[in-house]
Amino acid sequence: YFLIFAVMRLTKPTLFTNIPVTCEERDLPGNLFNQLMKDDPSAVKGAETLMLGEMLTLPQNFGNIFLGETFSSYISVHNDSNQVVKDILVKADLQTSSQRLNLSASSAAVAELKPDCCIDDVIHHEVKEIGTHILVCAVSYTTQTGEKMYFRKFFKFQVLKPLDVKTKFYNAETDEVFLEAQIQNITTSPMFMEKVSLEPSMMYSVAELNTVDKVGKSESTFGARTYLQPMDTRQYLYCLKPKQEFAEKAGVIKGVTVIGKLDIVWKTNLGERGRLQTSQLQRMAPGYGDVRLSLETIPDTVNLEEPFDITCKITNCSERTMDLVLEMCNTNSIHWCGVSGRQLGKLHPSSSLHLALTLLSSVQGLQSVSGLRLTDTFLKRTYEYDDIAQVCVVSSEVKQS
């Protein structure tokens, strides 16, 4: 061949590390090893026994490539002959398990290449698949005699998974959804977590619960420098609330399973950036049955044997109209105030009504609100609601804080 083809991966340099060798002065070498470390230009002055130096070293091998990072490579075609070659076309493709991508910056051929000259190109590609990748580099050209030449080279590398992401969902009674995302660094080097955010679906708004307020400033719960060491796991928490236009439609929110997707951005080594975006996260839709009863308002602490008010929300989650009757059953500690067995009227599908109720407790401590019964007179079906909420009952002589 007239041409020589070379490929080199472009990566950031690394900090030079050395292995300190020392001994006590009474040993045979005396102070020789210590003096050699002090004279070593790669050692940190005053901290020669530390392995980390102040110098940078160029990559000595291909290194690891992780999903979400940008693969960069330098491609060079050099004319190693003493003849001028013409119509040089350099093509770089990346073959994955599912597709073949063209990474060449230009598809036009170079008219001629003189002896000892070269054609250089830099390619970039954001890695979006795990597994085997093959960089296929092809060169075609024409010699002075008119002979058409062609050759290819293959460079194979593996793309690894950098993070392990696990999610847990918690469905609250108020239609809120809490998402816990556990993110683990499964690489061999620390990561600087630049951003971990949740992009909610169109029906929800999100509030991040990963900061604390200190002296009027919002700080991350993980500290100012959010480094994630190898094999360490960090939990992120988010609260999703249904938007007002969807919250009023009980049947819509009940069946929503798509929550959103996580967007994770990190940096490694000397600022190499990586980004991952998960697929749409899905939860198990909560089952409310035909009739859903939730508490809108309830006091945290009440006085013993003194009435207090609560507000309930009753929602028809079925596809038929109901005619409801409310019954209130006393328990050993909770006593309802009012008329039991009263008619609530007809409730259409996906409709709600608010109900103000009064009760009192005859026992101190943390008491459970129970004993509500809803009966649909159309189907003669009764729905029982116990352990709706809990309230702290204290003696009236104890001052509530």
Protein backbone atom coordinates (compact mmCIF):
# COMPACT_ATOMS: atom_id res chain seq x y z
CA TYR A 1 0.00 0.00 0.00
CA PHE A 2 1.03 3.57 -0.65
CA LEU A 3 -0.89 4.90 2.34
CA ILE A 4 -0.58 4.17 6.06
CA PHE A 5 -3.68 4.43 8.24
CA ALA A 6 -3.58 5.29 11.97
CA VAL A 7 -6.33 5.66 14.56
CA MET A 8 -5.93 7.02 18.09
CA ARG A 9 -8.61 7.53 20.69
CA LEU A 10 -8.75 11.05 22.13
CA THR A 11 -9.11 11.03 25.91
CA LYS A 12 -8.19 13.32 28.76
CA PRO A 13 -4.78 12.83 30.39
CA THR A 14 -4.50 11.41 33.89
CA LEU A 15 -2.58 12.52 36.97
CA PHE A 16 0.75 10.75 37.30
CA THR A 17 0.99 8.30 40.21
CA ASN A 18 4.20 6.94 41.68
CA ILE A 19 4.93 4.32 44.31
CA PRO A 20 6.90 5.82 47.21
CA VAL A 21 9.80 3.74 48.49
CA THR A 22 11.18 4.73 51.88
CA CYS A 23 12.90 3.28 54.91
CA GLU A 24 14.07 4.26 58.38
CA GLU A 25 17.39 6.04 58.77
CA ARG A 26 18.85 3.13 60.75
CA ASP A 27 18.32 0.79 57.77
CA LEU A 28 21.14 0.05 55.35
CA PRO A 29 20.12 2.60 52.64
CA GLY A 30 19.91 5.32 55.32
CA ASN A 31 18.40 8.49 53.94
CA LEU A 32 18.99 7.56 50.29
CA PHE A 33 15.38 6.63 49.40
CA ASN A 34 13.99 9.74 51.08
CA GLN A 35 16.41 11.96 49.19
CA LEU A 36 15.55 10.30 45.88
CA MET A 37 11.84 10.96 46.49
CA LYS A 38 12.55 14.62 47.26
CA ASP A 39 14.56 14.96 44.05
CA ASP A 40 11.85 13.24 41.96
CA PRO A 41 10.27 15.96 39.76
CA SER A 42 6.95 14.08 39.65
CA ALA A 43 6.47 14.10 43.44
CA VAL A 44 4.60 16.80 45.33
CA LYS A 45 7.05 18.89 47.31
CA GLY A 46 6.52 18.41 51.02
CA ALA A 47 4.29 15.37 50.43
CA GLU A 48 6.63 12.99 48.62
CA THR A 49 5.06 9.89 50.21
CA LEU A 50 1.71 10.58 48.54
CA MET A 51 1.15 8.53 45.40
CA LEU A 52 -0.62 11.31 43.51
CA GLY A 53 1.72 13.63 41.61
CA GLU A 54 1.33 17.01 39.95
CA MET A 55 2.17 15.88 36.41
CA LEU A 56 -0.16 14.68 33.69
CA THR A 57 0.40 11.55 31.63
CA LEU A 58 -1.02 10.76 28.23
CA PRO A 59 -3.23 7.65 27.91
CA GLN A 60 -1.21 4.48 27.51
CA ASN A 61 -4.08 2.30 26.28
CA PHE A 62 -7.54 2.49 24.77
CA GLY A 63 -9.20 2.68 28.19
CA ASN A 64 -12.83 2.06 29.08
CA ILE A 65 -15.80 3.63 27.31
CA PHE A 66 -19.06 3.98 29.19
CA LEU A 67 -22.61 4.44 28.02
CA GLY A 68 -23.52 8.14 27.81
CA GLU A 69 -19.97 9.34 27.19
CA THR A 70 -18.68 10.87 23.94
CA PHE A 71 -16.31 8.68 21.94
CA SER A 72 -13.68 10.82 20.19
CA SER A 73 -11.01 9.53 17.85
CA TYR A 74 -8.22 10.97 15.71
CA ILE A 75 -7.84 9.45 12.23
CA SER A 76 -4.78 10.02 10.06
CA VAL A 77 -3.93 8.80 6.55
CA HIS A 78 -0.25 9.29 5.67
CA ASN A 79 1.34 8.98 2.22
CA ASP A 80 4.37 6.82 2.96
CA SER A 81 5.43 6.48 -0.67
CA ASN A 82 7.38 8.77 -3.01
CA GLN A 83 4.45 9.13 -5.40
CA VAL A 84 1.45 11.42 -5.50
CA VAL A 85 -1.84 9.59 -5.01
CA LYS A 86 -5.21 10.99 -6.10
CA ASP A 87 -8.89 10.86 -5.25
CA ILE A 88 -8.37 9.84 -1.63
CA LEU A 89 -11.63 9.05 0.16
CA VAL A 90 -11.59 8.28 3.88
CA LYS A 91 -14.71 6.86 5.48
CA ALA A 92 -15.32 5.99 9.15
CA ASP A 93 -18.38 3.99 10.23
CA LEU A 94 -19.36 2.76 13.67
CA GLN A 95 -21.06 -0.63 13.70
CA THR A 96 -23.20 -1.50 16.73
CA SER A 97 -25.47 -4.45 17.39
CA SER A 98 -28.45 -2.57 15.93
CA GLN A 99 -27.18 -0.01 13.42
CA ARG A 100 -24.30 1.35 11.36
CA LEU A 101 -23.46 5.05 11.74
CA ASN A 102 -21.34 7.23 9.45
CA LEU A 103 -18.96 9.35 11.54
CA SER A 104 -16.94 10.97 8.76
CA ALA A 105 -16.84 14.75 8.90
CA SER A 106 -16.81 15.03 5.11
CA SER A 107 -17.85 12.69 2.32
CA ALA A 108 -15.87 14.52 -0.38
CA ALA A 109 -12.69 13.02 -1.82
CA VAL A 110 -9.31 14.77 -1.55
CA ALA A 111 -7.96 15.53 -4.98
CA GLU A 112 -4.34 14.51 -4.30
CA LEU A 113 -1.95 13.68 -1.50
CA LYS A 114 1.77 14.39 -1.94
CA PRO A 115 4.52 12.20 -0.47
CA ASP A 116 5.03 12.51 3.29
CA CYS A 117 1.74 14.40 3.68
CA CYS A 118 -1.31 13.30 5.55
CA ILE A 119 -5.07 13.71 5.84
CA ASP A 120 -6.34 14.22 9.38
CA ASP A 121 -9.85 13.99 10.77
CA VAL A 122 -11.43 13.93 14.25
CA ILE A 123 -14.70 12.08 14.81
CA HIS A 124 -17.12 12.32 17.74
CA HIS A 125 -20.01 10.11 18.73
CA GLU A 126 -22.21 10.03 21.85
CA VAL A 127 -22.40 6.38 22.84
CA LYS A 128 -26.02 5.27 23.29
CA GLU A 129 -25.75 1.47 23.25
CA ILE A 130 -24.12 -1.11 25.50
CA GLY A 131 -22.04 -3.93 24.07
CA THR A 132 -19.62 -4.47 21.22
CA HIS A 133 -18.81 -1.56 18.89
CA ILE A 134 -16.63 -1.81 15.78
CA LEU A 135 -15.03 1.25 14.19
CA VAL A 136 -14.72 0.48 10.48
CA CYS A 137 -12.27 2.75 8.64
CA ALA A 138 -12.03 2.47 4.86
CA VAL A 139 -9.65 4.25 2.48
CA SER A 140 -9.84 4.31 -1.32
CA TYR A 141 -7.41 6.12 -3.66
CA THR A 142 -5.91 6.08 -7.16
CA THR A 143 -2.18 5.65 -7.91
CA GLN A 144 -0.21 7.55 -10.55
CA THR A 145 -0.65 4.62 -12.92
CA GLY A 146 -4.45 4.83 -12.58
CA GLU A 147 -4.81 1.75 -10.42
CA LYS A 148 -7.64 2.00 -7.90
CA MET A 149 -6.72 0.83 -4.42
CA TYR A 150 -8.91 0.11 -1.41
CA PHE A 151 -8.34 -1.21 2.12
CA ARG A 152 -10.16 -1.32 5.48
CA LYS A 153 -9.24 -1.55 9.14
CA PHE A 154 -11.39 -2.62 12.09
CA PHE A 155 -11.12 -1.41 15.67
CA LYS A 156 -13.24 -3.28 18.19
CA PHE A 157 -14.16 -2.01 21.65
CA GLN A 158 -16.72 -2.64 24.38
CA VAL A 159 -19.12 -0.07 25.82
CA LEU A 160 -19.79 -0.63 29.52
CA LYS A 161 -22.60 0.39 31.82
CA PRO A 162 -21.55 3.23 34.16
CA LEU A 163 -24.53 3.42 36.52
CA ASP A 164 -27.05 1.06 38.05
CA VAL A 165 -30.39 2.82 38.50
CA LYS A 166 -33.21 1.37 40.62
CA THR A 167 -36.54 3.08 41.31
CA LYS A 168 -39.26 2.70 43.93
CA PHE A 169 -42.72 4.30 43.86
CA TYR A 170 -44.92 5.25 46.81
CA ASN A 171 -48.54 6.23 46.11
CA ALA A 172 -49.93 8.72 48.64
CA GLU A 173 -53.62 9.10 49.50
CA THR A 174 -53.59 12.66 48.15
CA ASP A 175 -52.80 11.47 44.58
CA GLU A 176 -49.16 12.42 45.10
CA VAL A 177 -46.50 9.98 43.95
CA PHE A 178 -43.10 9.77 45.65
CA LEU A 179 -40.23 8.42 43.56
CA GLU A 180 -37.02 7.14 45.14
CA ALA A 181 -34.17 6.71 42.66
CA GLN A 182 -31.14 4.68 43.80
CA ILE A 183 -28.09 5.44 41.66
CA GLN A 184 -24.95 3.33 42.04
CA ASN A 185 -21.54 4.06 40.50
CA ILE A 186 -20.38 0.74 39.01
CA THR A 187 -17.21 2.15 37.39
CA THR A 188 -13.72 2.05 38.91
CA SER A 189 -13.31 5.83 39.34
CA PRO A 190 -15.18 8.55 41.29
CA MET A 191 -17.94 10.54 39.61
CA PHE A 192 -18.97 14.13 40.09
CA MET A 193 -22.78 14.11 39.92
CA GLU A 194 -23.54 17.32 38.08
CA LYS A 195 -27.29 16.86 37.74
CA VAL A 196 -29.92 14.27 38.62
CA SER A 197 -33.36 15.54 37.66
CA LEU A 198 -36.77 14.08 36.90
CA GLU A 199 -38.64 15.14 33.78
CA PRO A 200 -42.29 14.41 34.64
CA SER A 201 -45.00 13.30 32.24
CA MET A 202 -47.52 15.88 31.03
CA MET A 203 -50.00 15.12 33.84
CA TYR A 204 -47.61 15.79 36.73
CA SER A 205 -45.48 18.56 38.18
CA VAL A 206 -42.41 17.59 40.19
CA ALA A 207 -40.72 18.88 43.34
CA GLU A 208 -37.16 17.73 44.14
CA LEU A 209 -36.63 16.75 47.78
CA ASN A 210 -32.84 16.60 47.66
CA THR A 211 -32.02 19.99 49.19
CA VAL A 212 -32.21 21.61 52.62
CA ASP A 213 -32.54 25.30 53.48
CA LYS A 214 -29.68 26.71 55.53
CA VAL A 215 -29.58 30.42 56.41
CA GLY A 216 -31.76 31.31 53.46
CA LYS A 217 -29.71 29.23 51.00
CA SER A 218 -30.65 25.93 49.42
CA GLU A 219 -27.94 23.28 49.74
CA SER A 220 -27.74 19.74 48.47
CA THR A 221 -28.32 17.02 51.05
CA PHE A 222 -25.14 15.35 49.74
CA GLY A 223 -22.90 18.35 50.43
CA ALA A 224 -21.18 20.96 48.29
CA ARG A 225 -19.08 18.41 46.36
CA THR A 226 -21.35 15.61 45.27
CA TYR A 227 -18.78 12.93 44.42
CA LEU A 228 -19.96 9.35 44.10
CA GLN A 229 -17.19 6.86 44.88
CA PRO A 230 -16.94 3.49 43.04
CA MET A 231 -19.70 1.06 44.08
CA ASP A 232 -21.35 3.71 46.27
CA THR A 233 -25.11 4.26 46.06
CA ARG A 234 -27.06 7.48 46.52
CA GLN A 235 -30.80 7.95 46.95
CA TYR A 236 -32.69 10.81 45.28
CA LEU A 237 -36.30 11.62 46.21
CA TYR A 238 -38.97 13.38 44.14
CA CYS A 239 -42.61 14.24 44.76
CA LEU A 240 -44.99 14.31 41.80
CA LYS A 241 -48.31 16.09 42.06
CA PRO A 242 -51.08 15.86 39.45
CA LYS A 243 -51.71 19.13 37.64
CA GLN A 244 -54.94 20.88 38.54
CA GLU A 245 -56.70 20.11 35.26
CA PHE A 246 -56.04 16.37 35.72
CA ALA A 247 -56.46 16.19 39.51
CA GLU A 248 -60.15 17.00 39.16
CA LYS A 249 -60.66 13.93 36.97
CA ALA A 250 -60.45 11.01 39.35
CA GLY A 251 -60.60 8.34 36.69
CA VAL A 252 -57.73 9.87 34.71
CA ILE A 253 -55.16 9.96 37.51
CA LYS A 254 -56.20 6.53 38.73
CA GLY A 255 -55.09 4.89 35.50
CA VAL A 256 -51.88 6.89 34.91
CA THR A 257 -48.83 4.63 35.02
CA VAL A 258 -46.24 6.72 33.11
CA ILE A 259 -44.48 9.06 35.56
CA GLY A 260 -41.53 10.53 33.64
CA LYS A 261 -37.84 9.89 33.05
CA LEU A 262 -34.60 10.57 34.91
CA ASP A 263 -31.89 12.78 33.38
CA ILE A 264 -28.43 12.09 34.87
CA VAL A 265 -25.30 14.12 34.07
CA TRP A 266 -21.87 13.36 35.55
CA LYS A 267 -18.18 14.12 35.05
CA THR A 268 -15.18 11.83 35.51
CA ASN A 269 -11.40 12.04 35.39
CA LEU A 270 -10.48 15.59 34.28
CA GLY A 271 -13.94 16.78 33.31
CA GLU A 272 -15.03 14.10 30.84
CA ARG A 273 -18.80 14.46 30.65
CA GLY A 274 -21.39 11.71 30.49
CA ARG A 275 -25.16 11.79 30.28
CA LEU A 276 -27.87 9.15 30.61
CA GLN A 277 -31.61 9.46 30.22
CA THR A 278 -33.75 6.57 31.36
CA SER A 279 -36.76 5.30 29.48
CA GLN A 280 -40.21 6.30 30.73
CA LEU A 281 -40.61 5.17 34.34
CA GLN A 282 -43.86 3.36 35.07
CA ARG A 283 -45.60 2.59 38.34
CA MET A 284 -48.33 0.15 39.25
CA ALA A 285 -51.63 2.03 39.09
CA PRO A 286 -53.23 2.16 42.56
CA GLY A 287 -56.53 0.36 42.99
CA TYR A 288 -59.13 2.53 44.71
CA GLY A 289 -62.15 0.29 44.16
CA ASP A 290 -65.53 1.75 43.25
CA VAL A 291 -65.57 4.45 45.94
CA ARG A 292 -62.52 6.29 47.23
CA LEU A 293 -62.51 8.08 50.57
CA SER A 294 -59.61 10.40 51.41
CA LEU A 295 -59.03 12.99 54.12
CA GLU A 296 -58.62 16.60 53.03
CA THR A 297 -58.10 18.17 56.48
CA ILE A 298 -57.47 16.74 59.95
CA PRO A 299 -55.70 18.23 63.00
CA ASP A 300 -52.44 16.66 64.15
CA THR A 301 -53.22 16.99 67.87
CA VAL A 302 -56.59 17.26 69.66
CA ASN A 303 -57.77 17.51 73.27
CA LEU A 304 -59.26 14.58 75.11
CA GLU A 305 -63.09 14.45 75.00
CA GLU A 306 -63.27 17.67 72.98
CA PRO A 307 -64.93 17.65 69.51
CA PHE A 308 -62.75 18.29 66.45
CA ASP A 309 -63.56 18.56 62.75
CA ILE A 310 -62.26 16.70 59.72
CA THR A 311 -63.06 17.03 56.03
CA CYS A 312 -63.46 13.95 53.83
CA LYS A 313 -63.51 13.68 50.06
CA ILE A 314 -65.64 10.94 48.51
CA THR A 315 -64.98 10.08 44.86
CA ASN A 316 -66.95 7.79 42.56
CA CYS A 317 -64.26 5.77 40.73
CA SER A 318 -66.75 3.47 38.99
CA GLU A 319 -68.50 3.90 35.66
CA ARG A 320 -72.03 4.11 37.10
CA THR A 321 -74.00 6.57 39.20
CA MET A 322 -74.25 5.80 42.92
CA ASP A 323 -76.80 6.76 45.56
CA LEU A 324 -74.82 6.83 48.81
CA VAL A 325 -75.82 6.60 52.47
CA LEU A 326 -73.28 7.46 55.22
CA GLU A 327 -73.14 5.51 58.46
CA MET A 328 -70.82 6.33 61.38
CA CYS A 329 -69.86 3.55 63.78
CA ASN A 330 -68.20 4.33 67.11
CA THR A 331 -65.11 2.45 68.25
CA ASN A 332 -63.60 2.03 71.72
CA SER A 333 -61.80 5.35 71.45
CA ILE A 334 -63.42 7.31 68.59
CA HIS A 335 -66.97 8.66 68.87
CA TRP A 336 -68.75 10.34 65.95
CA CYS A 337 -70.93 13.42 66.50
CA GLY A 338 -73.95 13.74 64.22
CA VAL A 339 -76.67 11.73 62.56
CA SER A 340 -75.73 8.32 61.21
CA GLY A 341 -77.51 6.88 58.18
CA ARG A 342 -78.01 10.17 56.35
CA GLN A 343 -78.47 10.36 52.60
CA LEU A 344 -75.60 11.86 50.59
CA GLY A 345 -77.53 11.81 47.32
CA LYS A 346 -76.47 10.70 43.87
CA LEU A 347 -72.81 10.77 42.85
CA HIS A 348 -72.00 10.55 39.15
CA PRO A 349 -68.93 8.72 37.73
CA SER A 350 -65.60 10.54 38.34
CA SER A 351 -67.41 13.08 40.54
CA SER A 352 -66.50 14.01 44.10
CA LEU A 353 -68.13 15.55 47.16
CA HIS A 354 -66.66 17.04 50.32
CA LEU A 355 -68.04 16.08 53.70
CA ALA A 356 -67.41 17.89 57.02
CA LEU A 357 -67.60 15.56 60.04
CA THR A 358 -67.17 16.02 63.78
CA LEU A 359 -65.83 13.47 66.27
CA LEU A 360 -64.11 13.18 69.63
CA SER A 361 -61.81 10.74 71.36
CA SER A 362 -62.25 9.28 74.84
CA VAL A 363 -58.74 7.77 75.03
CA GLN A 364 -55.37 9.51 75.06
CA GLY A 365 -52.50 8.64 72.76
CA LEU A 366 -52.23 8.02 69.04
CA GLN A 367 -55.73 7.00 67.93
CA SER A 368 -56.90 5.68 64.59
CA VAL A 369 -59.91 7.24 62.88
CA SER A 370 -62.22 4.38 61.90
CA GLY A 371 -65.85 3.44 61.57
CA LEU A 372 -67.12 5.09 58.37
CA ARG A 373 -69.48 3.09 56.15
CA LEU A 374 -70.81 4.02 52.70
CA THR A 375 -73.72 2.09 51.24
CA ASP A 376 -74.79 2.23 47.59
CA THR A 377 -78.56 1.83 47.67
CA PHE A 378 -78.68 0.89 43.98
CA LEU A 379 -76.61 -2.29 44.40
CA LYS A 380 -77.09 -2.69 48.18
CA ARG A 381 -73.32 -2.75 48.53
CA THR A 382 -71.50 -1.41 51.60
CA TYR A 383 -67.94 -0.06 51.60
CA GLU A 384 -66.08 -0.03 54.93
CA TYR A 385 -63.35 2.51 55.78
CA ASP A 386 -61.19 1.91 58.84
CA ASP A 387 -57.77 3.26 59.82
CA ILE A 388 -58.33 6.29 57.60
CA ALA A 389 -55.85 8.42 59.54
CA GLN A 390 -54.30 8.84 62.97
CA VAL A 391 -54.56 11.69 65.42
CA CYS A 392 -52.67 12.42 68.64
CA VAL A 393 -55.03 12.84 71.61
CA VAL A 394 -53.68 14.69 74.66
CA SER A 395 -55.19 15.81 77.95
CA SER A 396 -56.78 19.26 77.81
CA GLU A 397 -54.47 20.28 80.67
CA VAL A 398 -51.44 19.71 78.42
CA LYS A 399 -50.62 22.77 76.38
CA GLN A 400 -50.43 21.97 72.68
CA SER A 401 -47.26 23.24 71.02
